[in-house]
Amino acid sequence: MMVRLDMRAATLEDADFLFGLANDPYVRQNSVAVEPISVDVHTQWMRNMLRRIESGHAVMYVAWCDCVDGSTARCGVFRVDNAGSVSVAIHEAYRGKGLAAEILQRGTRNCYQEIGRKEYIAWIKPDNIPSQKAFAKAGFERRGEQSFPGKRVNGPVCQMWVCRVFE
């Protein structure tokens, strides 16, 4: 059981944790892109993401849990790209404890404070009920379903959830 949750900006030292989390079967199943991610692709993505963060075009926080036994562990990640698309992933050992909603709330607040972003969009697969509940609890509202926009011509149908903060 966690007693406290902290978040900090992601760094290159988080690359292994993020690689493992990104390739977790549950995370892949619920992602728009379900294929496993190679080390090379992840390494390049991480470098690009850190450059975008440094230039103010993206935000990524790693969540840390202080546990009752005194230990501290990485438990999740919050990410926003330059279009305001937000994602959250929780390490398997910490799922089902309500952390996703708290990470989303803190992440959007921190992102607003750092780069002034007020609107966030999440793309959630219709059968991903835990994410729908977490995003709703964090203040996001469902705005319909459509094919995921982006590089894929026939992306999966996803629910679009929107959150406007600090207005």
Foldseek 3Di string as FASTA:
>chain_A
DFDDKDKDFDDPVCLVVVLVQCQDQVNLVWDLHNDRDDSVRSVVVRVVQVVCVVVLFKTKMWMWTQHPVRDIDTFKMWIAGNVQEIDITTDPVCPPVLVLLVCLLVVQVVSCVPRNDFKHKYWTAPVPVVVVVSCVSNAWAWDAWDADDDDDPGTDITIIIMHGPDD
